Amino acid sequence: MACRRASVSGEGTAEKVTKILPAIDTGKRRAVIIAVIVSLDWLQVQPVWRMPVEESDLMKSDFNSSRREFLMDTSKVAAAVSLAAVLPSRVLGRDGDVAPSEKINLGVIGIGPRCTYDLKSMLQFADVRCVAIADVQAKRRDAGKLLVDEHYGNSDCVLYRDFRELLERKDIDAVLIATGDRWHAAASILAAQAGKDVYSEKPCGITIAACQELADTMHREKRVFQAGTQRRSVPNFQQAVAFAHSGKLGKLLYLPTYLVNSNLAALLGLGRFLAGKQSTRWQRVPRRQPTIPGEEK
């Protein structure tokens, strides 16, 4: 009984062992842990936190239970110490590295000049890793792979001609979409349905109905979506919007708008010639809606 009273303190034995282990050489930690376990097992010492009032069957039961709990706790400490000694720092997110569980595996859908600009910016983030690119034009696919592989110093970036194959990959968390304008909404919707978060170049869609369907899909699938629209994210435009909402301009009665279509190739229906005979094709003006190879009606 005296031995048990001597072991009682405001701090548990398991906690004490945890505190002293970091100060001991790695090679000696296992020996210390084993010694503690064997000593307590031999002396039948109640290690911590319960101080029996009197000897009874109930006390004996509590003693055996608390002793088992201590042995289990000490085993967990030993496992944690051994694991920390084996795993490299990058796995634990130390020394400036990002833990693999915190990285975003990125796929790219449609890589032209604008996407290249976006991708170069994203590659600078330590928690983003581009793993795949999809484009109907081989020349653009190859240029994108060269950019990504040179940045990472390997040849791991995988290329796809059909972006639906990219979306089937379970290891991809998010996609950068920078296709022709008419594919933004459709590709974003398919990506959300595949469980991916989306960064899409502007416009979100070419019709109000397409944008509404896009918004409904993102809410339904609980995905993150951002459109690359400077007039929603650049500070000077945000300040102008806040100024208008404040009422300092008075009641707004007239808002002029304009639409500029600078994609001459798409306007003239030349996309299929630039991408090759088997590429995604476009219907003629005025109904320029995207169709997927093999799904034409």
Protein backbone atom coordinates (compact mmCIF):
# COMPACT_ATOMS: atom_id res chain seq x y z
CA MET A 1 0.00 0.00 0.00
CA ALA A 2 2.89 2.34 0.81
CA CYS A 3 4.33 1.69 -2.61
CA ARG A 4 1.07 2.67 -4.25
CA ARG A 5 0.79 5.89 -2.27
CA ALA A 6 4.31 6.85 -3.24
CA SER A 7 3.45 6.54 -6.92
CA VAL A 8 0.45 8.88 -6.77
CA SER A 9 1.03 12.40 -8.11
CA GLY A 10 -0.75 15.14 -10.01
CA GLU A 11 0.68 13.83 -13.29
CA GLY A 12 0.21 10.37 -14.79
CA THR A 13 3.16 8.02 -15.32
CA ALA A 14 2.40 7.76 -19.01
CA GLU A 15 2.62 11.54 -19.28
CA LYS A 16 5.95 11.56 -17.43
CA VAL A 17 7.36 8.90 -19.75
CA THR A 18 6.21 10.92 -22.75
CA LYS A 19 7.99 14.03 -21.46
CA ILE A 20 11.34 12.39 -20.73
CA LEU A 21 11.57 10.33 -23.94
CA PRO A 22 12.59 13.22 -26.25
CA ALA A 23 15.62 13.88 -24.04
CA ILE A 24 16.86 10.29 -24.39
CA ASP A 25 18.92 9.05 -27.35
CA THR A 26 16.79 7.29 -29.93
CA GLY A 27 18.69 4.02 -29.53
CA LYS A 28 18.00 3.94 -25.76
CA ARG A 29 14.30 4.85 -25.82
CA ARG A 30 13.05 1.32 -26.40
CA ALA A 31 15.15 -0.02 -23.52
CA VAL A 32 13.77 2.65 -21.17
CA ILE A 33 10.18 1.87 -22.14
CA ILE A 34 10.67 -1.88 -21.68
CA ALA A 35 12.34 -1.30 -18.31
CA VAL A 36 9.40 0.80 -17.10
CA ILE A 37 6.87 -1.79 -18.23
CA VAL A 38 8.77 -4.73 -16.70
CA SER A 39 9.35 -2.92 -13.40
CA LEU A 40 5.71 -2.02 -12.94
CA ASP A 41 4.64 -5.51 -13.95
CA TRP A 42 7.00 -7.11 -11.39
CA LEU A 43 6.23 -4.76 -8.50
CA GLN A 44 2.48 -4.82 -9.20
CA VAL A 45 2.50 -1.03 -8.68
CA GLN A 46 -0.60 0.96 -9.49
CA PRO A 47 1.03 3.51 -11.80
CA VAL A 48 -1.03 6.69 -11.51
CA TRP A 49 -4.18 8.58 -10.92
CA ARG A 50 -6.21 6.18 -8.63
CA MET A 51 -5.40 6.00 -4.91
CA PRO A 52 -7.33 3.12 -3.24
CA VAL A 53 -9.03 3.84 0.05
CA GLU A 54 -9.07 0.27 1.33
CA GLU A 55 -8.16 -3.24 0.22
CA SER A 56 -11.14 -4.94 -1.40
CA ASP A 57 -12.11 -6.98 -4.44
CA LEU A 58 -13.28 -3.74 -6.08
CA MET A 59 -9.89 -2.13 -5.38
CA LYS A 60 -8.08 -5.10 -6.88
CA SER A 61 -10.27 -4.88 -9.97
CA ASP A 62 -9.56 -1.14 -10.34
CA PHE A 63 -5.84 -1.78 -9.85
CA ASN A 64 -5.67 -4.41 -12.56
CA SER A 65 -7.72 -2.23 -14.92
CA SER A 66 -5.57 0.88 -14.40
CA ARG A 67 -2.39 -1.21 -14.78
CA ARG A 68 -3.59 -2.54 -18.14
CA GLU A 69 -4.51 0.98 -19.25
CA PHE A 70 -1.01 2.19 -18.38
CA LEU A 71 0.64 -0.63 -20.30
CA MET A 72 -1.54 0.20 -23.33
CA ASP A 73 -0.71 3.92 -23.07
CA THR A 74 3.01 3.19 -22.79
CA SER A 75 2.84 0.93 -25.84
CA LYS A 76 1.25 3.76 -27.80
CA VAL A 77 4.04 6.11 -26.72
CA ALA A 78 6.64 3.58 -27.84
CA ALA A 79 4.94 3.17 -31.22
CA ALA A 80 4.73 6.94 -31.73
CA VAL A 81 8.41 7.43 -30.86
CA SER A 82 9.49 4.61 -33.16
CA LEU A 83 7.33 5.89 -36.02
CA ALA A 84 8.68 9.44 -35.70
CA ALA A 85 12.22 8.08 -35.85
CA VAL A 86 11.53 6.16 -39.08
CA LEU A 87 9.34 8.54 -41.13
CA PRO A 88 11.12 11.26 -43.15
CA SER A 89 10.35 14.85 -42.23
CA ARG A 90 8.56 15.56 -45.51
CA VAL A 91 5.88 12.97 -44.66
CA LEU A 92 5.16 14.81 -41.42
CA GLY A 93 5.16 18.23 -43.09
CA ARG A 94 8.32 19.46 -41.35
CA ASP A 95 11.27 21.57 -42.46
CA GLY A 96 9.08 23.62 -44.78
CA ASP A 97 7.69 20.59 -46.63
CA VAL A 98 3.96 20.11 -47.16
CA ALA A 99 2.56 16.79 -45.93
CA PRO A 100 1.15 14.65 -48.77
CA SER A 101 -2.28 14.73 -47.12
CA GLU A 102 -2.31 18.52 -47.43
CA LYS A 103 -1.34 18.68 -51.12
CA ILE A 104 -3.81 19.34 -53.94
CA ASN A 105 -3.36 17.11 -56.98
CA LEU A 106 -4.27 19.27 -59.95
CA GLY A 107 -5.45 18.28 -63.40
CA VAL A 108 -5.51 20.68 -66.38
CA ILE A 109 -8.26 20.68 -69.01
CA GLY A 110 -7.43 22.72 -72.10
CA ILE A 111 -3.95 24.25 -72.14
CA GLY A 112 -3.34 27.23 -74.38
CA PRO A 113 -1.64 30.59 -73.80
CA ARG A 114 -4.07 31.72 -71.08
CA CYS A 115 -3.95 28.39 -69.24
CA THR A 116 -0.15 28.41 -69.41
CA TYR A 117 -0.19 31.79 -67.68
CA ASP A 118 -2.53 30.47 -64.96
CA LEU A 119 -0.61 27.22 -64.54
CA LYS A 120 2.75 28.96 -64.09
CA SER A 121 1.24 30.86 -61.17
CA MET A 122 -0.26 27.72 -59.60
CA LEU A 123 2.99 25.78 -59.86
CA GLN A 124 4.57 28.24 -57.43
CA PHE A 125 2.37 26.98 -54.57
CA ALA A 126 4.05 24.26 -52.49
CA ASP A 127 0.71 22.58 -51.71
CA VAL A 128 -0.32 22.23 -55.38
CA ARG A 129 1.03 19.52 -57.68
CA CYS A 130 0.01 19.27 -61.32
CA VAL A 131 -0.24 15.58 -62.23
CA ALA A 132 -2.14 15.50 -65.55
CA ILE A 133 -3.06 17.56 -68.62
CA ALA A 134 -5.83 17.01 -71.16
CA ASP A 135 -6.10 18.78 -74.52
CA VAL A 136 -7.25 17.79 -78.00
CA GLN A 137 -4.18 19.34 -79.59
CA ALA A 138 -1.04 17.20 -79.25
CA LYS A 139 1.24 20.21 -79.63
CA ARG A 140 -0.35 21.95 -76.68
CA ARG A 141 -0.39 18.78 -74.58
CA ASP A 142 3.32 18.27 -75.15
CA ALA A 143 4.13 21.90 -74.37
CA GLY A 144 2.19 21.66 -71.11
CA LYS A 145 3.97 18.48 -70.07
CA LEU A 146 7.34 20.07 -70.79
CA LEU A 147 6.45 23.02 -68.56
CA VAL A 148 5.29 20.83 -65.66
CA ASP A 149 8.07 18.24 -65.88
CA GLU A 150 10.78 20.89 -66.02
CA HIS A 151 9.31 22.55 -62.95
CA TYR A 152 9.30 19.33 -60.89
CA GLY A 153 12.44 17.84 -62.41
CA ASN A 154 10.78 14.59 -63.47
CA SER A 155 8.57 13.15 -66.22
CA ASP A 156 5.50 12.25 -64.15
CA CYS A 157 2.88 14.49 -65.77
CA VAL A 158 0.36 12.26 -67.61
CA LEU A 159 -1.29 13.42 -70.86
CA TYR A 160 -4.84 12.78 -72.05
CA ARG A 161 -6.64 13.67 -75.24
CA ASP A 162 -10.11 13.12 -73.74
CA PHE A 163 -10.54 15.06 -70.52
CA ARG A 164 -13.14 12.58 -69.27
CA GLU A 165 -10.30 10.08 -68.76
CA LEU A 166 -8.57 12.65 -66.56
CA LEU A 167 -11.76 13.12 -64.52
CA GLU A 168 -11.93 9.38 -63.85
CA ARG A 169 -8.73 9.55 -61.79
CA LYS A 170 -9.52 9.33 -58.08
CA ASP A 171 -6.23 10.90 -57.04
CA ILE A 172 -7.01 14.25 -58.69
CA ASP A 173 -8.55 16.76 -56.27
CA ALA A 174 -9.14 19.79 -58.49
CA VAL A 175 -8.98 20.90 -62.11
CA LEU A 176 -7.94 24.04 -63.94
CA ILE A 177 -10.28 24.55 -66.92
CA ALA A 178 -9.15 26.86 -69.71
CA THR A 179 -10.79 25.41 -72.80
CA GLY A 180 -12.70 27.38 -75.39
CA ASP A 181 -15.48 29.45 -73.84
CA ARG A 182 -18.26 27.08 -74.88
CA TRP A 183 -16.77 24.23 -72.87
CA HIS A 184 -16.31 26.09 -69.56
CA ALA A 185 -19.72 25.30 -68.07
CA ALA A 186 -19.96 21.76 -69.47
CA ALA A 187 -16.46 20.77 -68.33
CA SER A 188 -16.98 22.36 -64.91
CA ILE A 189 -20.23 20.46 -64.39
CA LEU A 190 -18.65 17.15 -65.40
CA ALA A 191 -15.70 17.85 -63.08
CA ALA A 192 -17.99 18.55 -60.12
CA GLN A 193 -19.95 15.37 -60.79
CA ALA A 194 -16.62 13.51 -60.73
CA GLY A 195 -15.87 14.93 -57.28
CA LYS A 196 -13.36 17.61 -58.32
CA ASP A 197 -13.10 21.23 -57.22
CA VAL A 198 -12.83 23.69 -60.11
CA TYR A 199 -10.97 26.81 -61.14
CA SER A 200 -12.39 27.86 -64.50
CA GLU A 201 -11.32 30.67 -66.76
CA LYS A 202 -13.93 33.25 -67.63
CA PRO A 203 -16.67 33.18 -68.72
CA CYS A 204 -18.37 30.65 -66.44
CA GLY A 205 -20.72 29.90 -69.33
CA ILE A 206 -21.99 31.52 -72.51
CA THR A 207 -25.66 31.56 -71.48
CA ILE A 208 -27.50 32.47 -68.30
CA ALA A 209 -29.08 29.01 -68.27
CA ALA A 210 -25.66 27.32 -68.43
CA CYS A 211 -24.39 29.43 -65.53
CA GLN A 212 -27.48 28.62 -63.48
CA GLU A 213 -27.02 24.91 -64.13
CA LEU A 214 -23.36 25.27 -63.16
CA ALA A 215 -24.24 26.98 -59.87
CA ASP A 216 -26.90 24.37 -59.06
CA THR A 217 -24.44 21.54 -59.74
CA MET A 218 -21.74 23.02 -57.52
CA HIS A 219 -24.18 23.43 -54.63
CA ARG A 220 -25.62 19.96 -55.13
CA GLU A 221 -22.21 18.26 -55.37
CA LYS A 222 -20.78 20.45 -52.57
CA ARG A 223 -17.72 21.39 -54.61
CA VAL A 224 -15.54 24.52 -54.55
CA PHE A 225 -15.72 26.66 -57.69
CA GLN A 226 -13.89 29.83 -58.67
CA ALA A 227 -14.03 31.71 -61.94
CA GLY A 228 -10.97 33.57 -63.20
CA THR A 229 -12.77 36.89 -63.49
CA GLN A 230 -10.57 39.82 -62.54
CA ARG A 231 -13.59 42.07 -62.14
CA ARG A 232 -14.65 39.93 -59.19
CA SER A 233 -11.28 39.56 -57.48
CA VAL A 234 -9.03 42.55 -58.26
CA PRO A 235 -9.14 45.12 -55.39
CA ASN A 236 -10.03 48.22 -57.46
CA PHE A 237 -13.13 46.50 -58.89
CA GLN A 238 -14.15 45.25 -55.45
CA GLN A 239 -13.90 48.79 -54.12
CA ALA A 240 -16.06 50.11 -56.96
CA VAL A 241 -18.73 47.47 -56.28
CA ALA A 242 -18.68 48.25 -52.56
CA PHE A 243 -19.04 51.96 -53.38
CA ALA A 244 -22.10 51.25 -55.55
CA HIS A 245 -23.65 49.00 -52.90
CA SER A 246 -23.12 51.64 -50.23
CA GLY A 247 -25.72 53.88 -51.90
CA LYS A 248 -23.34 56.82 -52.27
CA LEU A 249 -23.98 56.86 -56.01
CA GLY A 250 -27.69 57.15 -55.44
CA LYS A 251 -30.26 54.88 -57.05
CA LEU A 252 -28.87 53.02 -60.05
CA LEU A 253 -31.21 53.23 -63.01
CA TYR A 254 -29.03 52.29 -65.99
CA LEU A 255 -26.12 49.85 -66.41
CA PRO A 256 -24.44 49.68 -69.84
CA THR A 257 -22.85 46.34 -70.82
CA TYR A 258 -20.80 45.10 -73.73
CA LEU A 259 -19.69 41.75 -75.13
CA VAL A 260 -16.44 41.16 -77.01
CA ASN A 261 -15.72 37.83 -78.70
CA SER A 262 -12.02 37.69 -79.44
CA ASN A 263 -11.93 33.95 -80.16
CA LEU A 264 -11.93 34.29 -83.94
CA ALA A 265 -11.19 30.61 -84.53
CA ALA A 266 -14.23 29.51 -82.56
CA LEU A 267 -16.36 32.21 -84.17
CA LEU A 268 -15.47 30.90 -87.62
CA GLY A 269 -15.79 27.25 -86.61
CA LEU A 270 -12.09 26.50 -87.17
CA GLY A 271 -11.45 24.64 -83.92
CA ARG A 272 -11.85 21.19 -85.47
CA PHE A 273 -9.23 21.95 -88.13
CA LEU A 274 -6.71 23.22 -85.58
CA ALA A 275 -7.16 20.20 -83.33
CA GLY A 276 -7.27 17.40 -85.90
CA LYS A 277 -9.90 15.26 -87.57
CA GLN A 278 -10.85 13.33 -84.40
CA SER A 279 -11.18 16.35 -82.17
CA THR A 280 -14.25 17.70 -80.45
CA ARG A 281 -16.29 19.29 -83.23
CA TRP A 282 -18.42 22.41 -83.28
CA GLN A 283 -21.73 22.91 -85.01
CA ARG A 284 -21.99 25.72 -87.49
CA VAL A 285 -22.98 29.26 -86.66
CA PRO A 286 -25.37 30.31 -85.18
CA ARG A 287 -25.74 27.16 -83.04
CA ARG A 288 -22.14 26.63 -81.90
CA GLN A 289 -22.75 24.03 -79.20
CA PRO A 290 -20.03 21.54 -78.16
CA THR A 291 -20.50 17.88 -78.96
CA ILE A 292 -18.46 14.94 -77.67
CA PRO A 293 -16.98 12.42 -80.13
CA GLY A 294 -19.04 9.25 -80.22
CA GLU A 295 -22.10 10.98 -78.76
CA GLU A 296 -23.33 12.90 -81.79
CA LYS A 297 -27.06 12.63 -82.36
